[in-house]
Amino acid sequence: FKCWVYERRDLTSITLSRSAGSACGFNQTSESYKAEDGADLAITLTEAERIHDDCPIRYDDGRNVFVDLEEFNFYYAKSSIVQLNKFFLSFLFFLLFILFN
């Protein structure tokens, strides 16, 4: 097994470095590729899938360990969809009010 050090540099790029042995080198970073750093391979990955992706992007950098990651915030949706839902609910309550009064 090898030790990998990886780091997300920005929204679309990730850098990885593989150790020469089974443990990471003391000076090894995600961009290391030299033997003096304890690494023998460095890779830079560029993601292109998010160019046409309309899904909301949420990135957790791990600073706050108490954040519930399973909680989904629906307010990232487009405003027209949210307004349509509010309009529909208002109309539904109005119809129920008329029917029961």
PDB file of N, CA and C in Angstrom:
ATOM      1  N   PHE A   1       0.834  -1.185   0.000  1.00  0.00           N
ATOM      2  CA  PHE A   1       0.000   0.000   0.000  1.00  0.00           C
ATOM      3  C   PHE A   1       0.876   1.244   0.000  1.00  0.00           C
ATOM      4  N   LYS A   2       0.370   2.290  -0.613  1.00  0.00           N
ATOM      5  CA  LYS A   2       1.083   3.566  -0.683  1.00  0.00           C
ATOM      6  C   LYS A   2       0.302   4.635   0.075  1.00  0.00           C
ATOM      7  N   CYS A   3       1.001   5.658   0.486  1.00  0.00           N
ATOM      8  CA  CYS A   3       0.369   6.800   1.137  1.00  0.00           C
ATOM      9  C   CYS A   3       0.146   7.882   0.084  1.00  0.00           C
ATOM     10  N   TRP A   4      -1.059   8.406   0.031  1.00  0.00           N
ATOM     11  CA  TRP A   4      -1.405   9.469  -0.910  1.00  0.00           C
ATOM     12  C   TRP A   4      -1.721  10.740  -0.133  1.00  0.00           C
ATOM     13  N   VAL A   5      -1.183  11.853  -0.579  1.00  0.00           N
ATOM     14  CA  VAL A   5      -1.531  13.168  -0.033  1.00  0.00           C
ATOM     15  C   VAL A   5      -2.289  13.894  -1.128  1.00  0.00           C
ATOM     16  N   TYR A   6      -3.488  14.343  -0.810  1.00  0.00           N
ATOM     17  CA  TYR A   6      -4.277  15.036  -1.827  1.00  0.00           C
ATOM     18  C   TYR A   6      -4.828  16.334  -1.268  1.00  0.00           C
ATOM     19  N   GLU A   7      -5.079  17.269  -2.171  1.00  0.00           N
ATOM     20  CA  GLU A   7      -5.571  18.586  -1.775  1.00  0.00           C
ATOM     21  C   GLU A   7      -6.425  19.144  -2.902  1.00  0.00           C
ATOM     22  N   ARG A   8      -7.596  19.642  -2.543  1.00  0.00           N
ATOM     23  CA  ARG A   8      -8.431  20.336  -3.528  1.00  0.00           C
ATOM     24  C   ARG A   8      -7.918  21.764  -3.615  1.00  0.00           C
ATOM     25  N   ARG A   9      -7.431  22.149  -4.782  1.00  0.00           N
ATOM     26  CA  ARG A   9      -6.836  23.473  -4.967  1.00  0.00           C
ATOM     27  C   ARG A   9      -7.898  24.543  -5.208  1.00  0.00           C
ATOM     28  N   ASP A  10      -8.894  24.216  -5.992  1.00  0.00           N
ATOM     29  CA  ASP A  10     -10.016  25.121  -6.217  1.00  0.00           C
ATOM     30  C   ASP A  10     -11.219  24.277  -6.608  1.00  0.00           C
ATOM     31  N   LEU A  11     -12.203  24.885  -7.240  1.00  0.00           N
ATOM     32  CA  LEU A  11     -13.444  24.186  -7.532  1.00  0.00           C
ATOM     33  C   LEU A  11     -13.257  23.042  -8.525  1.00  0.00           C
ATOM     34  N   THR A  12     -12.270  23.138  -9.417  1.00  0.00           N
ATOM     35  CA  THR A  12     -12.133  22.131 -10.469  1.00  0.00           C
ATOM     36  C   THR A  12     -10.810  21.381 -10.474  1.00  0.00           C
ATOM     37  N   SER A  13      -9.870  21.677  -9.586  1.00  0.00           N
ATOM     38  CA  SER A  13      -8.578  20.981  -9.649  1.00  0.00           C
ATOM     39  C   SER A  13      -8.208  20.355  -8.307  1.00  0.00           C
ATOM     40  N   ILE A  14      -7.601  19.168  -8.405  1.00  0.00           N
ATOM     41  CA  ILE A  14      -7.134  18.408  -7.250  1.00  0.00           C
ATOM     42  C   ILE A  14      -5.703  17.977  -7.541  1.00  0.00           C
ATOM     43  N   THR A  15      -4.803  18.131  -6.564  1.00  0.00           N
ATOM     44  CA  THR A  15      -3.433  17.647  -6.721  1.00  0.00           C
ATOM     45  C   THR A  15      -3.214  16.474  -5.780  1.00  0.00           C
ATOM     46  N   LEU A  16      -2.507  15.445  -6.287  1.00  0.00           N
ATOM     47  CA  LEU A  16      -2.227  14.237  -5.521  1.00  0.00           C
ATOM     48  C   LEU A  16      -0.747  13.927  -5.598  1.00  0.00           C
ATOM     49  N   SER A  17      -0.224  13.358  -4.528  1.00  0.00           N
ATOM     50  CA  SER A  17       1.168  12.938  -4.475  1.00  0.00           C
ATOM     51  C   SER A  17       1.229  11.561  -3.830  1.00  0.00           C
ATOM     52  N   ARG A  18       1.973  10.636  -4.453  1.00  0.00           N
ATOM     53  CA  ARG A  18       2.110   9.273  -3.925  1.00  0.00           C
ATOM     54  C   ARG A  18       3.475   9.111  -3.277  1.00  0.00           C
ATOM     55  N   SER A  19       3.491   8.473  -2.116  1.00  0.00           N
ATOM     56  CA  SER A  19       4.757   8.274  -1.407  1.00  0.00           C
ATOM     57  C   SER A  19       5.580   7.181  -2.079  1.00  0.00           C
ATOM     58  N   ALA A  20       6.884   7.239  -1.862  1.00  0.00           N
ATOM     59  CA  ALA A  20       7.772   6.217  -2.408  1.00  0.00           C
ATOM     60  C   ALA A  20       7.647   4.915  -1.631  1.00  0.00           C
ATOM     61  N   GLY A  21       7.371   5.002  -0.344  1.00  0.00           N
ATOM     62  CA  GLY A  21       7.210   3.816   0.497  1.00  0.00           C
ATOM     63  C   GLY A  21       5.776   3.679   0.973  1.00  0.00           C
ATOM     64  N   SER A  22       5.601   2.891   2.029  1.00  0.00           N
ATOM     65  CA  SER A  22       4.250   2.671   2.537  1.00  0.00           C
ATOM     66  C   SER A  22       3.792   3.790   3.466  1.00  0.00           C
ATOM     67  N   ALA A  23       4.692   4.646   3.918  1.00  0.00           N
ATOM     68  CA  ALA A  23       4.337   5.770   4.786  1.00  0.00           C
ATOM     69  C   ALA A  23       4.655   7.076   4.062  1.00  0.00           C
ATOM     70  N   CYS A  24       3.926   8.113   4.408  1.00  0.00           N
ATOM     71  CA  CYS A  24       4.167   9.417   3.795  1.00  0.00           C
ATOM     72  C   CYS A  24       5.490   9.994   4.271  1.00  0.00           C
ATOM     73  N   GLY A  25       6.176  10.689   3.370  1.00  0.00           N
ATOM     74  CA  GLY A  25       7.417  11.352   3.729  1.00  0.00           C
ATOM     75  C   GLY A  25       7.158  12.552   4.623  1.00  0.00           C
ATOM     76  N   PHE A  26       8.145  12.935   5.419  1.00  0.00           N
ATOM     77  CA  PHE A  26       7.985  14.033   6.370  1.00  0.00           C
ATOM     78  C   PHE A  26       7.715  15.356   5.653  1.00  0.00           C
ATOM     79  N   ASN A  27       8.352  15.581   4.527  1.00  0.00           N
ATOM     80  CA  ASN A  27       8.199  16.833   3.777  1.00  0.00           C
ATOM     81  C   ASN A  27       7.223  16.704   2.612  1.00  0.00           C
ATOM     82  N   GLN A  28       6.508  15.608   2.524  1.00  0.00           N
ATOM     83  CA  GLN A  28       5.636  15.373   1.376  1.00  0.00           C
ATOM     84  C   GLN A  28       4.403  16.270   1.424  1.00  0.00           C
ATOM     85  N   THR A  29       4.144  16.932   0.312  1.00  0.00           N
ATOM     86  CA  THR A  29       2.932  17.732   0.146  1.00  0.00           C
ATOM     87  C   THR A  29       2.147  17.164  -1.027  1.00  0.00           C
ATOM     88  N   SER A  30       1.043  17.784  -1.356  1.00  0.00           N
ATOM     89  CA  SER A  30       0.233  17.283  -2.469  1.00  0.00           C
ATOM     90  C   SER A  30       0.914  17.498  -3.815  1.00  0.00           C
ATOM     91  N   GLU A  31       1.920  18.372  -3.869  1.00  0.00           N
ATOM     92  CA  GLU A  31       2.627  18.641  -5.127  1.00  0.00           C
ATOM     93  C   GLU A  31       3.999  17.970  -5.198  1.00  0.00           C
ATOM     94  N   SER A  32       4.371  17.179  -4.186  1.00  0.00           N
ATOM     95  CA  SER A  32       5.696  16.547  -4.145  1.00  0.00           C
ATOM     96  C   SER A  32       5.802  15.425  -5.168  1.00  0.00           C
ATOM     97  N   TYR A  33       6.973  15.336  -5.802  1.00  0.00           N
ATOM     98  CA  TYR A  33       7.251  14.234  -6.722  1.00  0.00           C
ATOM     99  C   TYR A  33       8.706  13.772  -6.634  1.00  0.00           C
ATOM    100  N   LYS A  34       9.516  14.440  -5.844  1.00  0.00           N
ATOM    101  CA  LYS A  34      10.934  14.109  -5.745  1.00  0.00           C
ATOM    102  C   LYS A  34      11.182  13.137  -4.602  1.00  0.00           C
ATOM    103  N   ALA A  35      12.250  12.348  -4.744  1.00  0.00           N
ATOM    104  CA  ALA A  35      12.595  11.350  -3.729  1.00  0.00           C
ATOM    105  C   ALA A  35      13.002  11.997  -2.408  1.00  0.00           C
ATOM    106  N   GLU A  36      13.590  13.180  -2.466  1.00  0.00           N
ATOM    107  CA  GLU A  36      13.990  13.846  -1.216  1.00  0.00           C
ATOM    108  C   GLU A  36      12.793  14.282  -0.369  1.00  0.00           C
ATOM    109  N   ASP A  37      11.622  14.387  -0.990  1.00  0.00           N
ATOM    110  CA  ASP A  37      10.388  14.672  -0.240  1.00  0.00           C
ATOM    111  C   ASP A  37       9.684  13.394   0.201  1.00  0.00           C
ATOM    112  N   GLY A  38      10.175  12.254  -0.255  1.00  0.00           N
ATOM    113  CA  GLY A  38       9.555  10.973   0.079  1.00  0.00           C
ATOM    114  C   GLY A  38       8.452  10.578  -0.875  1.00  0.00           C
ATOM    115  N   ALA A  39       8.420  11.195  -2.046  1.00  0.00           N
ATOM    116  CA  ALA A  39       7.363  10.911  -3.024  1.00  0.00           C
ATOM    117  C   ALA A  39       7.979  10.454  -4.334  1.00  0.00           C
ATOM    118  N   ASP A  40       7.172   9.794  -5.147  1.00  0.00           N
ATOM    119  CA  ASP A  40       7.670   9.385  -6.459  1.00  0.00           C
ATOM    120  C   ASP A  40       6.690   9.696  -7.592  1.00  0.00           C
ATOM    121  N   LEU A  41       5.547  10.300  -7.280  1.00  0.00           N
ATOM    122  CA  LEU A  41       4.561  10.601  -8.316  1.00  0.00           C
ATOM    123  C   LEU A  41       3.695  11.768  -7.868  1.00  0.00           C
ATOM    124  N   ALA A  42       3.427  12.700  -8.785  1.00  0.00           N
ATOM    125  CA  ALA A  42       2.498  13.802  -8.521  1.00  0.00           C
ATOM    126  C   ALA A  42       1.517  13.887  -9.682  1.00  0.00           C
ATOM    127  N   ILE A  43       0.255  14.067  -9.361  1.00  0.00           N
ATOM    128  CA  ILE A  43      -0.800  14.123 -10.374  1.00  0.00           C
ATOM    129  C   ILE A  43      -1.650  15.362 -10.111  1.00  0.00           C
ATOM    130  N   THR A  44      -2.023  16.050 -11.172  1.00  0.00           N
ATOM    131  CA  THR A  44      -2.979  17.153 -11.071  1.00  0.00           C
ATOM    132  C   THR A  44      -4.206  16.776 -11.884  1.00  0.00           C
ATOM    133  N   LEU A  45      -5.342  16.696 -11.216  1.00  0.00           N
ATOM    134  CA  LEU A  45      -6.599  16.339 -11.871  1.00  0.00           C
ATOM    135  C   LEU A  45      -7.432  17.596 -12.085  1.00  0.00           C
ATOM    136  N   THR A  46      -8.051  17.694 -13.255  1.00  0.00           N
ATOM    137  CA  THR A  46      -8.931  18.816 -13.558  1.00  0.00           C
ATOM    138  C   THR A  46     -10.308  18.276 -13.885  1.00  0.00           C
ATOM    139  N   GLU A  47     -11.286  18.695 -13.110  1.00  0.00           N
ATOM    140  CA  GLU A  47     -12.656  18.253 -13.334  1.00  0.00           C
ATOM    141  C   GLU A  47     -13.335  19.184 -14.331  1.00  0.00           C
ATOM    142  N   ALA A  48     -14.056  18.610 -15.283  1.00  0.00           N
ATOM    143  CA  ALA A  48     -14.797  19.405 -16.256  1.00  0.00           C
ATOM    144  C   ALA A  48     -16.288  19.110 -16.194  1.00  0.00           C
ATOM    145  N   GLU A  49     -16.710  18.231 -15.280  1.00  0.00           N
ATOM    146  CA  GLU A  49     -18.110  17.831 -15.233  1.00  0.00           C
ATOM    147  C   GLU A  49     -19.003  18.932 -14.696  1.00  0.00           C
ATOM    148  N   ARG A  50     -18.455  19.829 -13.906  1.00  0.00           N
ATOM    149  CA  ARG A  50     -19.282  20.850 -13.267  1.00  0.00           C
ATOM    150  C   ARG A  50     -19.590  22.020 -14.182  1.00  0.00           C
ATOM    151  N   ILE A  51     -19.063  22.021 -15.387  1.00  0.00           N
ATOM    152  CA  ILE A  51     -19.321  23.127 -16.304  1.00  0.00           C
ATOM    153  C   ILE A  51     -20.807  23.200 -16.639  1.00  0.00           C
ATOM    154  N   HIS A  52     -21.438  22.069 -16.887  1.00  0.00           N
ATOM    155  CA  HIS A  52     -22.847  22.030 -17.270  1.00  0.00           C
ATOM    156  C   HIS A  52     -23.726  21.510 -16.144  1.00  0.00           C
ATOM    157  N   ASP A  53     -23.239  21.537 -14.917  1.00  0.00           N
ATOM    158  CA  ASP A  53     -23.981  21.024 -13.774  1.00  0.00           C
ATOM    159  C   ASP A  53     -24.788  22.151 -13.143  1.00  0.00           C
ATOM    160  N   ASP A  54     -26.099  21.946 -12.999  1.00  0.00           N
ATOM    161  CA  ASP A  54     -26.958  22.961 -12.396  1.00  0.00           C
ATOM    162  C   ASP A  54     -27.214  22.703 -10.920  1.00  0.00           C
ATOM    163  N   CYS A  55     -26.631  21.664 -10.359  1.00  0.00           N
ATOM    164  CA  CYS A  55     -26.855  21.341  -8.954  1.00  0.00           C
ATOM    165  C   CYS A  55     -26.122  22.349  -8.066  1.00  0.00           C
ATOM    166  N   PRO A  56     -26.674  22.654  -6.898  1.00  0.00           N
ATOM    167  CA  PRO A  56     -25.973  23.564  -5.995  1.00  0.00           C
ATOM    168  C   PRO A  56     -24.695  22.921  -5.476  1.00  0.00           C
ATOM    169  N   ILE A  57     -23.640  23.692  -5.400  1.00  0.00           N
ATOM    170  CA  ILE A  57     -22.355  23.174  -4.953  1.00  0.00           C
ATOM    171  C   ILE A  57     -22.134  23.618  -3.515  1.00  0.00           C
ATOM    172  N   ARG A  58     -21.959  22.652  -2.637  1.00  0.00           N
ATOM    173  CA  ARG A  58     -21.660  22.925  -1.239  1.00  0.00           C
ATOM    174  C   ARG A  58     -20.348  22.230  -0.922  1.00  0.00           C
ATOM    175  N   TYR A  59     -19.427  22.959  -0.377  1.00  0.00           N
ATOM    176  CA  TYR A  59     -18.110  22.405  -0.069  1.00  0.00           C
ATOM    177  C   TYR A  59     -17.855  22.552   1.424  1.00  0.00           C
ATOM    178  N   ASP A  60     -17.537  21.461   2.089  1.00  0.00           N
ATOM    179  CA  ASP A  60     -17.234  21.472   3.516  1.00  0.00           C
ATOM    180  C   ASP A  60     -15.729  21.355   3.688  1.00  0.00           C
ATOM    181  N   ASP A  61     -15.115  22.389   4.231  1.00  0.00           N
ATOM    182  CA  ASP A  61     -13.667  22.354   4.434  1.00  0.00           C
ATOM    183  C   ASP A  61     -13.275  21.724   5.760  1.00  0.00           C
ATOM    184  N   GLY A  62     -14.246  21.310   6.578  1.00  0.00           N
ATOM    185  CA  GLY A  62     -13.967  20.601   7.811  1.00  0.00           C
ATOM    186  C   GLY A  62     -13.621  21.475   8.997  1.00  0.00           C
ATOM    187  N   ARG A  63     -13.761  22.782   8.872  1.00  0.00           N
ATOM    188  CA  ARG A  63     -13.420  23.670   9.990  1.00  0.00           C
ATOM    189  C   ARG A  63     -14.384  23.521  11.155  1.00  0.00           C
ATOM    190  N   ASN A  64     -15.673  23.381  10.861  1.00  0.00           N
ATOM    191  CA  ASN A  64     -16.668  23.241  11.921  1.00  0.00           C
ATOM    192  C   ASN A  64     -17.116  21.788  11.961  1.00  0.00           C
ATOM    193  N   VAL A  65     -16.669  21.057  12.968  1.00  0.00           N
ATOM    194  CA  VAL A  65     -16.975  19.628  13.055  1.00  0.00           C
ATOM    195  C   VAL A  65     -18.382  19.369  13.565  1.00  0.00           C
ATOM    196  N   PHE A  66     -19.071  20.398  14.049  1.00  0.00           N
ATOM    197  CA  PHE A  66     -20.405  20.225  14.604  1.00  0.00           C
ATOM    198  C   PHE A  66     -21.514  20.449  13.580  1.00  0.00           C
ATOM    199  N   VAL A  67     -21.178  20.756  12.341  1.00  0.00           N
ATOM    200  CA  VAL A  67     -22.179  20.983  11.306  1.00  0.00           C
ATOM    201  C   VAL A  67     -22.767  19.647  10.879  1.00  0.00           C
ATOM    202  N   ASP A  68     -24.096  19.597  10.796  1.00  0.00           N
ATOM    203  CA  ASP A  68     -24.777  18.388  10.344  1.00  0.00           C
ATOM    204  C   ASP A  68     -24.751  18.366   8.818  1.00  0.00           C
ATOM    205  N   LEU A  69     -23.941  17.483   8.237  1.00  0.00           N
ATOM    206  CA  LEU A  69     -23.796  17.443   6.787  1.00  0.00           C
ATOM    207  C   LEU A  69     -24.992  16.806   6.093  1.00  0.00           C
ATOM    208  N   GLU A  70     -25.835  16.098   6.843  1.00  0.00           N
ATOM    209  CA  GLU A  70     -27.004  15.457   6.245  1.00  0.00           C
ATOM    210  C   GLU A  70     -28.144  16.447   6.021  1.00  0.00           C
ATOM    211  N   GLU A  71     -28.063  17.610   6.638  1.00  0.00           N
ATOM    212  CA  GLU A  71     -29.118  18.608   6.485  1.00  0.00           C
ATOM    213  C   GLU A  71     -28.966  19.287   5.130  1.00  0.00           C
ATOM    214  N   PHE A  72     -30.013  19.250   4.330  1.00  0.00           N
ATOM    215  CA  PHE A  72     -29.957  19.851   2.995  1.00  0.00           C
ATOM    216  C   PHE A  72     -30.708  21.168   3.010  1.00  0.00           C
ATOM    217  N   ASN A  73     -30.111  22.199   2.493  1.00  0.00           N
ATOM    218  CA  ASN A  73     -30.729  23.514   2.439  1.00  0.00           C
ATOM    219  C   ASN A  73     -31.440  23.665   1.098  1.00  0.00           C
ATOM    220  N   PHE A  74     -32.760  23.720   1.119  1.00  0.00           N
ATOM    221  CA  PHE A  74     -33.533  23.795  -0.115  1.00  0.00           C
ATOM    222  C   PHE A  74     -33.565  25.201  -0.702  1.00  0.00           C
ATOM    223  N   TYR A  75     -33.021  26.176  -0.016  1.00  0.00           N
ATOM    224  CA  TYR A  75     -33.079  27.545  -0.508  1.00  0.00           C
ATOM    225  C   TYR A  75     -32.033  27.826  -1.578  1.00  0.00           C
ATOM    226  N   TYR A  76     -31.259  26.819  -1.965  1.00  0.00           N
ATOM    227  CA  TYR A  76     -30.340  26.993  -3.082  1.00  0.00           C
ATOM    228  C   TYR A  76     -31.060  26.874  -4.418  1.00  0.00           C
ATOM    229  N   ALA A  77     -32.328  26.499  -4.391  1.00  0.00           N
ATOM    230  CA  ALA A  77     -33.082  26.324  -5.627  1.00  0.00           C
ATOM    231  C   ALA A  77     -33.276  27.682  -6.298  1.00  0.00           C
ATOM    232  N   LYS A  78     -33.635  27.639  -7.565  1.00  0.00           N
ATOM    233  CA  LYS A  78     -33.887  28.876  -8.291  1.00  0.00           C
ATOM    234  C   LYS A  78     -35.097  29.579  -7.692  1.00  0.00           C
ATOM    235  N   SER A  79     -35.101  30.889  -7.743  1.00  0.00           N
ATOM    236  CA  SER A  79     -36.165  31.659  -7.096  1.00  0.00           C
ATOM    237  C   SER A  79     -37.523  31.403  -7.735  1.00  0.00           C
ATOM    238  N   SER A  80     -37.559  31.155  -9.041  1.00  0.00           N
ATOM    239  CA  SER A  80     -38.848  30.915  -9.689  1.00  0.00           C
ATOM    240  C   SER A  80     -39.495  29.637  -9.160  1.00  0.00           C
ATOM    241  N   ILE A  81     -38.693  28.631  -8.861  1.00  0.00           N
ATOM    242  CA  ILE A  81     -39.236  27.382  -8.323  1.00  0.00           C
ATOM    243  C   ILE A  81     -39.760  27.610  -6.912  1.00  0.00           C
ATOM    244  N   VAL A  82     -39.013  28.353  -6.103  1.00  0.00           N
ATOM    245  CA  VAL A  82     -39.438  28.618  -4.733  1.00  0.00           C
ATOM    246  C   VAL A  82     -40.708  29.459  -4.729  1.00  0.00           C
ATOM    247  N   GLN A  83     -40.800  30.463  -5.591  1.00  0.00           N
ATOM    248  CA  GLN A  83     -41.997  31.295  -5.664  1.00  0.00           C
ATOM    249  C   GLN A  83     -43.185  30.484  -6.154  1.00  0.00           C
ATOM    250  N   LEU A  84     -42.967  29.585  -7.070  1.00  0.00           N
ATOM    251  CA  LEU A  84     -44.047  28.737  -7.553  1.00  0.00           C
ATOM    252  C   LEU A  84     -44.570  27.866  -6.421  1.00  0.00           C
ATOM    253  N   ASN A  85     -43.706  27.328  -5.606  1.00  0.00           N
ATOM    254  CA  ASN A  85     -44.142  26.513  -4.477  1.00  0.00           C
ATOM    255  C   ASN A  85     -44.913  27.348  -3.457  1.00  0.00           C
ATOM    256  N   LYS A  86     -44.461  28.555  -3.180  1.00  0.00           N
ATOM    257  CA  LYS A  86     -45.174  29.433  -2.255  1.00  0.00           C
ATOM    258  C   LYS A  86     -46.549  29.787  -2.813  1.00  0.00           C
ATOM    259  N   PHE A  87     -46.607  30.066  -4.100  1.00  0.00           N
ATOM    260  CA  PHE A  87     -47.884  30.390  -4.731  1.00  0.00           C
ATOM    261  C   PHE A  87     -48.827  29.199  -4.657  1.00  0.00           C
ATOM    262  N   PHE A  88     -48.323  28.028  -4.940  1.00  0.00           N
ATOM    263  CA  PHE A  88     -49.154  26.824  -4.902  1.00  0.00           C
ATOM    264  C   PHE A  88     -49.692  26.574  -3.496  1.00  0.00           C
ATOM    265  N   LEU A  89     -48.857  26.704  -2.488  1.00  0.00           N
ATOM    266  CA  LEU A  89     -49.305  26.503  -1.107  1.00  0.00           C
ATOM    267  C   LEU A  89     -50.323  27.558  -0.692  1.00  0.00           C
ATOM    268  N   SER A  90     -50.102  28.797  -1.091  1.00  0.00           N
ATOM    269  CA  SER A  90     -51.061  29.855  -0.773  1.00  0.00           C
ATOM    270  C   SER A  90     -52.406  29.570  -1.423  1.00  0.00           C
ATOM    271  N   PHE A  91     -52.385  29.152  -2.665  1.00  0.00           N
ATOM    272  CA  PHE A  91     -53.619  28.830  -3.385  1.00  0.00           C
ATOM    273  C   PHE A  91     -54.330  27.644  -2.736  1.00  0.00           C
ATOM    274  N   LEU A  92     -53.588  26.652  -2.318  1.00  0.00           N
ATOM    275  CA  LEU A  92     -54.167  25.480  -1.669  1.00  0.00           C
ATOM    276  C   LEU A  92     -54.826  25.852  -0.343  1.00  0.00           C
ATOM    277  N   PHE A  93     -54.162  26.673   0.450  1.00  0.00           N
ATOM    278  CA  PHE A  93     -54.761  27.124   1.711  1.00  0.00           C
ATOM    279  C   PHE A  93     -56.005  27.972   1.467  1.00  0.00           C
ATOM    280  N   PHE A  94     -55.974  28.777   0.434  1.00  0.00           N
ATOM    281  CA  PHE A  94     -57.134  29.596   0.087  1.00  0.00           C
ATOM    282  C   PHE A  94     -58.322  28.714  -0.278  1.00  0.00           C
ATOM    283  N   LEU A  95     -58.094  27.680  -1.083  1.00  0.00           N
ATOM    284  CA  LEU A  95     -59.182  26.765  -1.457  1.00  0.00           C
ATOM    285  C   LEU A  95     -59.724  26.030  -0.240  1.00  0.00           C
ATOM    286  N   LEU A  96     -58.846  25.575   0.637  1.00  0.00           N
ATOM    287  CA  LEU A  96     -59.299  24.889   1.848  1.00  0.00           C
ATOM    288  C   LEU A  96     -60.094  25.827   2.753  1.00  0.00           C
ATOM    289  N   PHE A  97     -59.683  27.065   2.839  1.00  0.00           N
ATOM    290  CA  PHE A  97     -60.400  28.042   3.646  1.00  0.00           C
ATOM    291  C   PHE A  97     -61.806  28.273   3.097  1.00  0.00           C
ATOM    292  N   ILE A  98     -61.915  28.371   1.770  1.00  0.00           N
ATOM    293  CA  ILE A  98     -63.228  28.585   1.146  1.00  0.00           C
ATOM    294  C   ILE A  98     -64.118  27.362   1.339  1.00  0.00           C
ATOM    295  N   LEU A  99     -63.573  26.174   1.204  1.00  0.00           N
ATOM    296  CA  LEU A  99     -64.376  24.956   1.307  1.00  0.00           C
ATOM    297  C   LEU A  99     -64.896  24.717   2.722  1.00  0.00           C
ATOM    298  N   PHE A 100     -64.121  25.040   3.734  1.00  0.00           N
ATOM    299  CA  PHE A 100     -64.523  24.736   5.108  1.00  0.00           C
ATOM    300  C   PHE A 100     -65.195  25.909   5.821  1.00  0.00           C
ATOM    301  N   ASN A 101     -65.412  27.011   5.152  1.00  0.00           N
ATOM    302  CA  ASN A 101     -66.130  28.147   5.769  1.00  0.00           C
ATOM    303  C   ASN A 101     -67.431  28.403   5.105  1.00  0.00           C
TER     304      ASN A 101
END
